[in-house]
Amino acid sequence: MTVHAQILKRNGKNEFAILPYEEFLKVQETLENYEDLRALRAAKIKENNAKTVSLKEAKKIFHLN
């Protein structure tokens, strides 16, 4: 992703980055996707040895067609 940030300085030091709104939205979406991926990976590790059932078995358990 290419970011076209404008950097604002205060006392000679970088203080703020200003992004075009569309780029901000893309960065925000990317960060949200990353957080979702981290949560998914953590859940997979946590549930690694959990008992599973097939879809057919689940339908029987919950009395679904």
C-alpha atoms as a PDB file:
ATOM      1  CA  MET A   1       0.000   0.000   0.000  1.00  0.00           C
ATOM      2  CA  THR A   2       1.332   3.414  -0.899  1.00  0.00           C
ATOM      3  CA  VAL A   3       0.699   6.158   1.630  1.00  0.00           C
ATOM      4  CA  HIS A   4       0.923   9.813   0.675  1.00  0.00           C
ATOM      5  CA  ALA A   5       1.285  11.362   4.116  1.00  0.00           C
ATOM      6  CA  GLN A   6       2.047  14.973   4.772  1.00  0.00           C
ATOM      7  CA  ILE A   7       4.271  15.283   7.844  1.00  0.00           C
ATOM      8  CA  LEU A   8       3.809  18.251  10.162  1.00  0.00           C
ATOM      9  CA  LYS A   9       6.651  19.250  12.429  1.00  0.00           C
ATOM     10  CA  ARG A  10       6.730  20.942  15.819  1.00  0.00           C
ATOM     11  CA  ASN A  11       9.995  22.343  17.118  1.00  0.00           C
ATOM     12  CA  GLY A  12      11.801  20.663  14.225  1.00  0.00           C
ATOM     13  CA  LYS A  13      10.497  17.175  15.061  1.00  0.00           C
ATOM     14  CA  ASN A  14       7.914  15.114  13.225  1.00  0.00           C
ATOM     15  CA  GLU A  15       4.671  15.506  15.154  1.00  0.00           C
ATOM     16  CA  PHE A  16       1.716  14.541  12.932  1.00  0.00           C
ATOM     17  CA  ALA A  17       1.032  12.644   9.717  1.00  0.00           C
ATOM     18  CA  ILE A  18      -1.902  13.755   7.592  1.00  0.00           C
ATOM     19  CA  LEU A  19      -3.337  11.261   5.101  1.00  0.00           C
ATOM     20  CA  PRO A  20      -5.854  11.681   2.325  1.00  0.00           C
ATOM     21  CA  TYR A  21      -9.137  10.337   3.702  1.00  0.00           C
ATOM     22  CA  GLU A  22      -9.321   7.408   1.256  1.00  0.00           C
ATOM     23  CA  GLU A  23      -5.850   6.279   2.305  1.00  0.00           C
ATOM     24  CA  PHE A  24      -6.817   6.605   5.959  1.00  0.00           C
ATOM     25  CA  LEU A  25      -9.809   4.321   5.326  1.00  0.00           C
ATOM     26  CA  LYS A  26      -7.556   1.740   3.640  1.00  0.00           C
ATOM     27  CA  VAL A  27      -5.083   1.836   6.544  1.00  0.00           C
ATOM     28  CA  GLN A  28      -7.929   1.489   9.028  1.00  0.00           C
ATOM     29  CA  GLU A  29      -9.399  -1.498   7.143  1.00  0.00           C
ATOM     30  CA  THR A  30      -5.979  -3.155   6.930  1.00  0.00           C
ATOM     31  CA  LEU A  31      -5.473  -2.781  10.677  1.00  0.00           C
ATOM     32  CA  GLU A  32      -8.934  -4.191  11.394  1.00  0.00           C
ATOM     33  CA  ASN A  33      -8.224  -7.173   9.143  1.00  0.00           C
ATOM     34  CA  TYR A  34      -4.909  -7.724  10.898  1.00  0.00           C
ATOM     35  CA  GLU A  35      -6.604  -7.691  14.308  1.00  0.00           C
ATOM     36  CA  ASP A  36      -9.204 -10.184  13.030  1.00  0.00           C
ATOM     37  CA  LEU A  37      -6.415 -12.437  11.769  1.00  0.00           C
ATOM     38  CA  ARG A  38      -4.607 -12.268  15.121  1.00  0.00           C
ATOM     39  CA  ALA A  39      -7.838 -13.154  16.948  1.00  0.00           C
ATOM     40  CA  LEU A  40      -8.485 -16.065  14.580  1.00  0.00           C
ATOM     41  CA  ARG A  41      -4.966 -17.416  15.045  1.00  0.00           C
ATOM     42  CA  ALA A  42      -5.258 -17.128  18.830  1.00  0.00           C
ATOM     43  CA  ALA A  43      -8.613 -18.940  18.779  1.00  0.00           C
ATOM     44  CA  LYS A  44      -7.187 -21.716  16.608  1.00  0.00           C
ATOM     45  CA  ILE A  45      -4.297 -22.209  19.032  1.00  0.00           C
ATOM     46  CA  LYS A  46      -6.638 -22.201  22.022  1.00  0.00           C
ATOM     47  CA  GLU A  47      -9.036 -24.701  20.439  1.00  0.00           C
ATOM     48  CA  ASN A  48      -6.352 -26.874  18.846  1.00  0.00           C
ATOM     49  CA  ASN A  49      -7.337 -30.054  20.694  1.00  0.00           C
ATOM     50  CA  ALA A  50     -11.054 -29.336  21.014  1.00  0.00           C
ATOM     51  CA  LYS A  51     -13.443 -32.106  20.061  1.00  0.00           C
ATOM     52  CA  THR A  52     -15.092 -31.576  16.692  1.00  0.00           C
ATOM     53  CA  VAL A  53     -18.142 -33.014  14.978  1.00  0.00           C
ATOM     54  CA  SER A  54     -19.076 -33.199  11.343  1.00  0.00           C
ATOM     55  CA  LEU A  55     -21.859 -31.080   9.894  1.00  0.00           C
ATOM     56  CA  LYS A  56     -23.967 -34.220   9.574  1.00  0.00           C
ATOM     57  CA  GLU A  57     -23.481 -35.006  13.285  1.00  0.00           C
ATOM     58  CA  ALA A  58     -24.223 -31.396  14.280  1.00  0.00           C
ATOM     59  CA  LYS A  59     -27.488 -31.484  12.345  1.00  0.00           C
ATOM     60  CA  LYS A  60     -28.485 -34.638  14.230  1.00  0.00           C
ATOM     61  CA  ILE A  61     -27.585 -33.093  17.592  1.00  0.00           C
ATOM     62  CA  PHE A  62     -29.654 -29.972  16.892  1.00  0.00           C
ATOM     63  CA  HIS A  63     -32.479 -31.895  15.138  1.00  0.00           C
ATOM     64  CA  LEU A  64     -31.984 -30.138  11.789  1.00  0.00           C
ATOM     65  CA  ASN A  65     -32.651 -31.631   8.385  1.00  0.00           C
END
